[in-house]
Amino acid sequence: MSTRAAAFPVFDPGGIAVKKTVTAVKVMMTEGMHDTVVITLLAQATDAPELQPGTPVSMQYGWNPLDIDWFYGYIDHVERNYHISIPKQSVYEDVVCLGASYALKDPFTGAWAQTQASSLAQQIASGYYLSSLTENDDYVWPQLSNPGSSAWSFLIQLANKNGYSLAVNQTLLRFVSVDAALRAYGPSMPLFKTRNTAARVVQQGITSFQAVTGESFTTPGASKAVRTIAGVNPLSGQIVGAINTGTETILGQDVVYPFFGQQVSDVVVNDQAHARSVLAGMAEYNRFNYKATATLTGMTVVKQGTPIVLNGIDSNNDGVWWVQEVVHQITSAGYYMDVCLGRDSKGDSGMRPVQTPAVAFSPRNPLSYAVKNAPPTKLVNNRWRAAYQSNVNIS
């Protein structure tokens, strides 16, 4: 398909070489959500066979030919933008496509005992022919169950339990913690500069930046985890601090009855270890008290659940930010990104303790290597799947 600008993608719905006039493209990537692409066409019949729901779609996007990535997914629906003042030949249609995780909308039922969330994530990925990158040193939960919601909804629940980042790009499922990801990416994190630090105009990658600071601005719908537990001895009335003696006793079994100053969850726990894991997952899920939005120069390597570095704003906002959402915008004006960012401290330099030295983009650094060297994607029976099973575990 011929395009009018270097940044325009190649759109081939159904793989039948049907040429379309692409006006604009949005590639939206958010943690815990399906990758979504909105392709704006001009004066196309919405009932065309190649635009029907479920049609496989493969699309290239980025800066041609220097920075190109692929989107694999399926058409979910087509929206026509009608207005009485717009001539028929100028009516736009938005083709909304969901990524390869579209297949995870199927119902998924099961109950498990003494299992890790990461092992279930890997099991689901394999069942839907996806490769996986999981962190497998997470807590062994006494019981986990899914009464029949979708496999994707269940994965979101598991990620929230652990405070992990969940994403599916192409046919690679990532189920890892923020800390492990920050340690692993290291020097491979993309760097964006303002005019204050860029040596040349072409190196200016930050168009706008707006920070929201303060712990009162938490993620909508999120609740802070209880970080301290107190107890009372019913015999003496003395208030004491809950102490972990190393023995995993059932709550309420001894004379010290724990109580909580704030009710944050209706989860019933079996023992002290279970309670600590629930609170740790909640604390991790709600860790980003500092938020920001920014508009950056387009770069296909920037995806949800990855870190980037901003430079040239000020001492509080320079450094590492976690990408919670990115929208790749491709129009006739070029290619740029709108990002939603989070961090848990001001002036984060990105320094993290590393257990063993590792080199980015090598098998010694499995997360970075796996992200950049995921198995290729192929179409089998009208369903996207990884060309071969690759289940990488990190800890």
Protein backbone atom coordinates (compact mmCIF):
# COMPACT_ATOMS: atom_id res chain seq x y z
CA MET A 1 0.00 0.00 0.00
CA SER A 2 1.36 3.43 -0.88
CA THR A 3 1.52 6.02 1.88
CA ARG A 4 1.74 9.79 1.84
CA ALA A 5 4.22 10.29 4.67
CA ALA A 6 7.20 8.43 6.03
CA ALA A 7 5.46 7.97 9.36
CA PHE A 8 2.31 6.38 7.92
CA PRO A 9 1.77 2.66 8.56
CA VAL A 10 1.05 -0.13 6.11
CA PHE A 11 -2.50 -1.38 6.67
CA ASP A 12 -3.50 -4.72 5.18
CA PRO A 13 -6.74 -6.05 6.71
CA GLY A 14 -7.20 -9.76 6.23
CA GLY A 15 -3.91 -10.11 4.40
CA ILE A 16 -5.61 -9.87 1.02
CA ALA A 17 -3.67 -6.84 -0.26
CA VAL A 18 -6.64 -4.48 -0.14
CA LYS A 19 -5.38 -0.90 -0.48
CA LYS A 20 -6.87 1.65 1.87
CA THR A 21 -6.42 5.40 2.17
CA VAL A 22 -5.10 5.82 5.72
CA THR A 23 -5.67 9.27 7.16
CA ALA A 24 -4.39 8.79 10.72
CA VAL A 25 -3.48 6.03 13.15
CA LYS A 26 -3.48 5.75 16.95
CA VAL A 27 -1.68 2.84 18.62
CA MET A 28 -2.85 2.82 22.26
CA MET A 29 -1.01 0.74 24.84
CA THR A 30 -2.09 0.71 28.50
CA GLU A 31 -1.12 -1.57 31.38
CA GLY A 32 -3.81 -4.15 32.01
CA MET A 33 -5.64 -3.41 28.75
CA HIS A 34 -5.64 -4.85 25.24
CA ASP A 35 -3.37 -3.04 22.80
CA THR A 36 -5.77 -1.01 20.64
CA VAL A 37 -5.28 0.56 17.22
CA VAL A 38 -7.68 3.08 15.70
CA ILE A 39 -7.13 3.40 11.95
CA THR A 40 -8.91 6.32 10.33
CA LEU A 41 -9.94 5.68 6.70
CA LEU A 42 -11.57 7.98 4.19
CA ALA A 43 -14.83 7.16 2.38
CA GLN A 44 -14.69 3.37 2.81
CA ALA A 45 -17.67 1.02 2.86
CA THR A 46 -18.08 -0.23 6.42
CA ASP A 47 -19.67 -3.48 5.20
CA ALA A 48 -16.61 -4.48 3.18
CA PRO A 49 -15.61 -8.14 3.83
CA GLU A 50 -12.13 -7.15 4.99
CA LEU A 51 -13.51 -4.79 7.67
CA GLN A 52 -15.71 -7.25 9.53
CA PRO A 53 -15.17 -8.05 13.25
CA GLY A 54 -12.59 -10.75 13.90
CA THR A 55 -10.64 -10.13 10.71
CA PRO A 56 -6.89 -10.56 11.40
CA VAL A 57 -4.88 -7.36 10.93
CA SER A 58 -1.14 -6.83 10.64
CA MET A 59 0.23 -3.31 10.44
CA GLN A 60 3.60 -1.61 10.43
CA TYR A 61 4.05 1.75 12.13
CA GLY A 62 6.89 4.08 13.00
CA TRP A 63 9.54 6.05 11.13
CA ASN A 64 10.18 4.38 7.79
CA PRO A 65 12.73 2.84 7.37
CA LEU A 66 14.66 3.60 10.59
CA ASP A 67 12.26 2.71 13.40
CA ILE A 68 9.52 0.25 12.45
CA ASP A 69 7.42 -2.02 14.62
CA TRP A 70 4.49 -4.35 14.00
CA PHE A 71 0.98 -4.53 15.40
CA TYR A 72 -0.87 -7.84 15.17
CA GLY A 73 -4.52 -8.01 16.09
CA TYR A 74 -8.13 -8.29 14.99
CA ILE A 75 -10.82 -5.86 13.89
CA ASP A 76 -13.25 -5.30 16.76
CA HIS A 77 -15.65 -2.84 15.11
CA VAL A 78 -15.87 0.08 12.68
CA GLU A 79 -17.18 3.52 13.63
CA ARG A 80 -18.40 5.98 11.00
CA ASN A 81 -17.98 9.68 11.82
CA TYR A 82 -21.11 11.19 10.25
CA HIS A 83 -22.16 14.83 10.20
CA ILE A 84 -24.77 16.40 7.95
CA SER A 85 -22.37 19.15 6.87
CA ILE A 86 -19.71 16.71 5.63
CA PRO A 87 -20.00 15.43 2.02
CA LYS A 88 -20.29 11.67 1.61
CA GLN A 89 -16.87 11.39 -0.06
CA SER A 90 -15.28 13.11 2.94
CA VAL A 91 -16.76 10.94 5.69
CA TYR A 92 -14.18 9.25 7.88
CA GLU A 93 -14.35 5.73 9.33
CA ASP A 94 -12.44 4.56 12.40
CA VAL A 95 -11.43 0.90 12.26
CA VAL A 96 -10.91 -0.17 15.89
CA CYS A 97 -8.59 -3.15 16.27
CA LEU A 98 -7.57 -5.07 19.39
CA GLY A 99 -4.21 -6.81 19.77
CA ALA A 100 -3.41 -10.52 19.83
CA SER A 101 -4.75 -10.64 23.41
CA TYR A 102 -8.21 -10.35 21.80
CA ALA A 103 -8.42 -14.15 22.04
CA LEU A 104 -8.18 -13.92 25.84
CA LYS A 105 -11.76 -12.60 25.93
CA ASP A 106 -12.86 -16.27 26.07
CA PRO A 107 -14.34 -17.47 29.40
CA PHE A 108 -11.81 -19.11 31.71
CA THR A 109 -12.82 -21.23 34.70
CA GLY A 110 -10.76 -22.97 37.35
CA ALA A 111 -9.68 -23.27 40.97
CA TRP A 112 -6.16 -23.78 42.21
CA ALA A 113 -4.51 -24.38 45.59
CA GLN A 114 -0.95 -23.55 46.67
CA THR A 115 -0.03 -21.93 43.39
CA GLN A 116 1.75 -18.81 42.12
CA ALA A 117 0.03 -16.14 40.04
CA SER A 118 3.01 -16.17 37.67
CA SER A 119 2.58 -19.89 36.94
CA LEU A 120 -1.09 -19.34 36.07
CA ALA A 121 -0.15 -16.42 33.81
CA GLN A 122 2.32 -18.66 32.02
CA GLN A 123 -0.29 -21.42 31.76
CA ILE A 124 -2.84 -19.05 30.22
CA ALA A 125 -0.28 -17.70 27.76
CA SER A 126 0.63 -21.20 26.59
CA GLY A 127 -3.04 -22.14 26.26
CA TYR A 128 -3.58 -19.25 23.85
CA TYR A 129 -0.35 -19.82 21.87
CA LEU A 130 1.40 -16.75 23.29
CA SER A 131 5.00 -16.57 24.43
CA SER A 132 5.47 -15.29 27.97
CA LEU A 133 7.89 -13.34 30.11
CA THR A 134 7.05 -13.82 33.78
CA GLU A 135 8.64 -13.14 37.13
CA ASN A 136 8.33 -16.38 39.07
CA ASP A 137 9.53 -15.57 42.60
CA ASP A 138 6.10 -14.33 43.70
CA TYR A 139 4.03 -15.55 46.65
CA VAL A 140 2.41 -19.01 46.66
CA TRP A 141 -1.28 -18.26 47.26
CA PRO A 142 -3.31 -20.71 49.38
CA GLN A 143 -6.14 -20.64 46.86
CA LEU A 144 -6.98 -18.87 43.62
CA SER A 145 -10.12 -19.21 41.54
CA ASN A 146 -11.86 -17.76 38.53
CA PRO A 147 -15.61 -18.46 38.37
CA GLY A 148 -15.99 -17.84 34.66
CA SER A 149 -14.89 -14.33 33.74
CA SER A 150 -12.57 -13.95 30.76
CA ALA A 151 -8.97 -15.13 30.80
CA TRP A 152 -7.90 -11.51 30.36
CA SER A 153 -9.95 -10.34 33.37
CA PHE A 154 -8.39 -13.10 35.44
CA LEU A 155 -4.89 -12.04 34.40
CA ILE A 156 -5.69 -8.48 35.50
CA GLN A 157 -6.81 -9.80 38.90
CA LEU A 158 -3.59 -11.80 39.25
CA ALA A 159 -1.46 -8.81 38.28
CA ASN A 160 -3.25 -6.59 40.81
CA LYS A 161 -2.75 -9.18 43.54
CA ASN A 162 1.01 -9.11 43.03
CA GLY A 163 1.24 -5.46 42.02
CA TYR A 164 2.74 -6.62 38.70
CA SER A 165 2.68 -4.99 35.30
CA LEU A 166 0.56 -6.83 32.71
CA ALA A 167 0.88 -6.25 28.98
CA VAL A 168 0.63 -8.16 25.71
CA ASN A 169 2.59 -6.66 22.81
CA GLN A 170 2.29 -8.59 19.57
CA THR A 171 2.25 -12.21 20.90
CA LEU A 172 4.45 -11.69 23.98
CA LEU A 173 2.73 -11.62 27.39
CA ARG A 174 4.67 -9.75 30.11
CA PHE A 175 3.85 -10.39 33.78
CA VAL A 176 6.63 -8.78 35.86
CA SER A 177 7.17 -6.41 38.77
CA VAL A 178 8.25 -2.81 38.32
CA ASP A 179 11.45 -3.33 40.31
CA ALA A 180 12.57 -6.30 38.22
CA ALA A 181 11.86 -4.39 35.03
CA LEU A 182 13.78 -1.30 36.17
CA ARG A 183 16.80 -3.39 37.10
CA ALA A 184 16.74 -5.32 33.86
CA TYR A 185 16.30 -2.48 31.36
CA GLY A 186 19.22 -0.48 32.75
CA PRO A 187 21.06 1.48 30.04
CA SER A 188 18.56 0.44 27.36
CA MET A 189 15.90 2.89 28.58
CA PRO A 190 14.92 5.46 25.89
CA LEU A 191 16.11 9.00 26.66
CA PHE A 192 14.10 12.14 25.83
CA LYS A 193 15.49 15.66 26.21
CA THR A 194 14.11 19.18 26.29
CA ARG A 195 15.71 22.16 24.56
CA ASN A 196 17.51 22.86 27.85
CA THR A 197 19.78 19.84 27.49
CA ALA A 198 19.60 18.83 23.83
CA ALA A 199 22.72 19.78 21.89
CA ARG A 200 20.77 20.04 18.62
CA VAL A 201 17.19 20.69 17.63
CA VAL A 202 16.76 17.16 16.29
CA GLN A 203 17.60 15.79 19.74
CA GLN A 204 14.67 17.56 21.38
CA GLY A 205 12.24 14.75 22.13
CA ILE A 206 9.95 16.41 24.69
CA THR A 207 7.23 18.67 23.32
CA SER A 208 5.24 19.16 26.54
CA PHE A 209 5.30 17.93 30.14
CA GLN A 210 2.84 18.32 33.00
CA ALA A 211 3.48 16.82 36.44
CA VAL A 212 0.96 16.13 39.18
CA THR A 213 2.73 15.74 42.52
CA GLY A 214 1.52 14.94 45.98
CA GLU A 215 0.38 11.72 47.61
CA SER A 216 -3.25 12.85 47.57
CA PHE A 217 -3.36 12.25 43.83
CA THR A 218 -3.58 8.48 43.61
CA THR A 219 -4.76 6.29 40.79
CA PRO A 220 -8.56 6.57 40.37
CA GLY A 221 -10.26 3.71 42.15
CA ALA A 222 -7.12 2.73 44.04
CA SER A 223 -6.81 2.51 47.80
CA LYS A 224 -3.62 2.77 49.80
CA ALA A 225 -2.36 -0.35 51.52
CA VAL A 226 -2.25 -0.68 55.28
CA ARG A 227 1.42 -0.45 56.20
CA THR A 228 1.22 -0.94 59.99
CA ILE A 229 -0.70 -3.49 61.97
CA ALA A 230 -1.51 -3.09 65.67
CA GLY A 231 -3.06 -5.51 68.09
CA VAL A 232 -4.66 -5.65 71.51
CA ASN A 233 -4.20 -8.23 74.25
CA PRO A 234 -7.77 -8.93 75.47
CA LEU A 235 -6.50 -10.12 78.87
CA SER A 236 -4.59 -6.94 79.79
CA GLY A 237 -6.08 -4.41 77.37
CA GLN A 238 -2.56 -3.45 76.30
CA ILE A 239 -2.11 -2.26 72.70
CA VAL A 240 0.90 -3.91 71.11
CA GLY A 241 2.48 -3.96 67.68
CA ALA A 242 2.00 -7.06 65.59
CA ILE A 243 5.29 -8.94 65.42
CA ASN A 244 6.14 -11.71 62.99
CA THR A 245 7.81 -14.42 65.05
CA GLY A 246 8.63 -16.55 62.03
CA THR A 247 5.85 -19.03 62.70
CA GLU A 248 2.93 -18.82 60.28
CA THR A 249 0.13 -19.02 62.85
CA ILE A 250 -3.51 -18.57 61.99
CA LEU A 251 -4.76 -15.07 62.73
CA GLY A 252 -6.63 -15.01 66.04
CA GLN A 253 -5.09 -18.27 67.22
CA ASP A 254 -2.92 -16.55 69.87
CA VAL A 255 -3.89 -14.04 72.56
CA VAL A 256 -2.98 -10.98 70.50
CA TYR A 257 -5.93 -10.05 68.31
CA PRO A 258 -4.93 -7.91 65.32
CA PHE A 259 -7.04 -4.96 64.33
CA PHE A 260 -6.78 -2.46 61.47
CA GLY A 261 -7.22 1.29 61.62
CA GLN A 262 -8.48 1.36 58.04
CA GLN A 263 -10.59 -1.22 56.22
CA VAL A 264 -9.13 -1.49 52.73
CA SER A 265 -10.05 -4.96 51.59
CA ASP A 266 -12.56 -7.73 52.14
CA VAL A 267 -9.94 -10.41 51.48
CA VAL A 268 -9.91 -13.17 54.09
CA VAL A 269 -6.38 -14.32 54.93
CA ASN A 270 -5.22 -17.59 56.43
CA ASP A 271 -2.05 -16.53 58.22
CA GLN A 272 0.42 -13.72 58.74
CA ALA A 273 2.37 -14.55 55.57
CA HIS A 274 -0.81 -14.38 53.51
CA ALA A 275 -1.68 -11.00 55.06
CA ARG A 276 1.78 -9.61 54.33
CA SER A 277 1.55 -10.73 50.70
CA VAL A 278 -1.88 -9.12 50.26
CA LEU A 279 -0.61 -5.83 51.68
CA ALA A 280 2.61 -5.99 49.68
CA GLY A 281 0.65 -6.46 46.45
CA MET A 282 -1.61 -3.51 47.30
CA ALA A 283 1.36 -1.31 48.16
CA GLU A 284 3.03 -2.20 44.86
CA TYR A 285 -0.17 -1.60 42.88
CA ASN A 286 -0.56 1.88 44.41
CA ARG A 287 3.12 2.82 44.48
CA PHE A 288 3.10 5.64 41.91
CA ASN A 289 2.07 8.72 43.87
CA TYR A 290 3.71 11.08 41.38
CA LYS A 291 2.02 11.32 38.00
CA ALA A 292 2.78 13.15 34.79
CA THR A 293 1.65 13.45 31.20
CA ALA A 294 3.93 14.31 28.32
CA THR A 295 4.06 14.54 24.55
CA LEU A 296 7.22 13.00 23.09
CA THR A 297 8.75 12.34 19.70
CA GLY A 298 7.58 8.97 18.39
CA MET A 299 9.68 5.92 19.24
CA THR A 300 8.27 2.43 18.74
CA VAL A 301 10.27 0.89 21.60
CA VAL A 302 8.18 2.87 24.11
CA LYS A 303 5.40 0.58 25.33
CA GLN A 304 3.28 0.25 28.45
CA GLY A 305 5.04 -1.31 31.40
CA THR A 306 8.51 -0.04 30.48
CA PRO A 307 10.71 2.76 31.90
CA ILE A 308 11.95 5.87 30.07
CA VAL A 309 14.28 8.71 31.07
CA LEU A 310 13.38 12.41 30.81
CA ASN A 311 16.12 15.03 30.91
CA GLY A 312 16.10 18.82 30.96
CA ILE A 313 12.89 19.60 32.90
CA ASP A 314 14.06 20.21 36.49
CA SER A 315 15.74 18.38 39.35
CA ASN A 316 12.45 16.95 40.64
CA ASN A 317 11.11 15.65 37.35
CA ASP A 318 14.28 14.54 35.54
CA GLY A 319 15.13 10.86 35.63
CA VAL A 320 13.26 7.60 35.33
CA TRP A 321 9.50 7.44 34.75
CA TRP A 322 7.34 4.34 34.38
CA VAL A 323 5.13 4.28 31.26
CA GLN A 324 1.61 3.36 32.32
CA GLU A 325 0.02 4.32 29.02
CA VAL A 326 1.30 5.41 25.62
CA VAL A 327 -0.65 6.52 22.55
CA HIS A 328 1.38 6.49 19.35
CA GLN A 329 -0.14 9.18 17.12
CA ILE A 330 0.59 8.98 13.39
CA THR A 331 -0.86 11.73 11.19
CA SER A 332 0.15 13.81 8.17
CA ALA A 333 2.07 16.03 10.60
CA GLY A 334 4.34 13.16 11.63
CA TYR A 335 4.70 10.72 14.50
CA TYR A 336 4.52 11.60 18.19
CA MET A 337 3.42 9.99 21.47
CA ASP A 338 1.17 11.00 24.35
CA VAL A 339 2.27 9.21 27.52
CA CYS A 340 0.95 8.83 31.07
CA LEU A 341 3.81 8.37 33.50
CA GLY A 342 4.27 7.38 37.13
CA ARG A 343 7.06 7.28 39.70
CA ASP A 344 7.38 6.76 43.45
CA SER A 345 9.94 9.45 44.29
CA LYS A 346 11.06 12.86 43.09
CA GLY A 347 14.29 13.14 41.15
CA ASP A 348 14.56 9.39 40.54
CA SER A 349 18.02 8.83 39.05
CA GLY A 350 17.19 5.28 38.08
CA MET A 351 19.88 3.73 40.25
CA ARG A 352 18.75 0.30 41.45
CA PRO A 353 20.60 -2.45 43.32
CA VAL A 354 21.71 -5.17 40.92
CA GLN A 355 22.52 -8.63 42.24
CA THR A 356 24.81 -9.60 39.40
CA PRO A 357 26.31 -7.54 36.56
CA ALA A 358 24.48 -7.91 33.28
CA VAL A 359 24.68 -6.48 29.78
CA ALA A 360 21.54 -5.09 28.18
CA PHE A 361 20.17 -6.98 25.14
CA SER A 362 22.01 -10.23 25.92
CA PRO A 363 20.88 -13.63 27.23
CA ARG A 364 22.48 -12.64 30.57
CA ASN A 365 19.76 -10.04 30.94
CA PRO A 366 16.66 -12.12 30.17
CA LEU A 367 13.98 -9.41 30.42
CA SER A 368 15.58 -6.91 28.03
CA TYR A 369 16.66 -9.69 25.71
CA ALA A 370 13.24 -11.35 25.65
CA VAL A 371 11.41 -8.06 25.00
CA LYS A 372 13.61 -7.25 22.00
CA ASN A 373 13.89 -10.84 20.74
CA ALA A 374 10.39 -12.22 21.17
CA PRO A 375 9.38 -15.12 18.90
CA PRO A 376 7.98 -13.96 15.56
CA THR A 377 4.22 -13.90 15.06
CA LYS A 378 2.43 -16.06 12.52
CA LEU A 379 -1.19 -16.46 11.43
CA VAL A 380 -2.65 -19.97 11.82
CA ASN A 381 -6.34 -20.60 11.15
CA ASN A 382 -7.03 -16.84 11.26
CA ARG A 383 -5.51 -16.50 14.74
CA TRP A 384 -2.26 -14.77 15.63
CA ARG A 385 0.13 -16.89 17.67
CA ALA A 386 3.80 -17.01 18.58
CA ALA A 387 5.79 -18.92 15.99
CA TYR A 388 7.18 -21.07 18.80
CA GLN A 389 6.61 -21.29 22.55
CA SER A 390 9.08 -19.21 24.58
CA ASN A 391 8.40 -19.01 28.29
CA VAL A 392 11.07 -16.89 29.98
CA ASN A 393 11.21 -16.71 33.77
CA ILE A 394 13.00 -13.98 35.69
CA SER A 395 13.47 -13.46 39.39
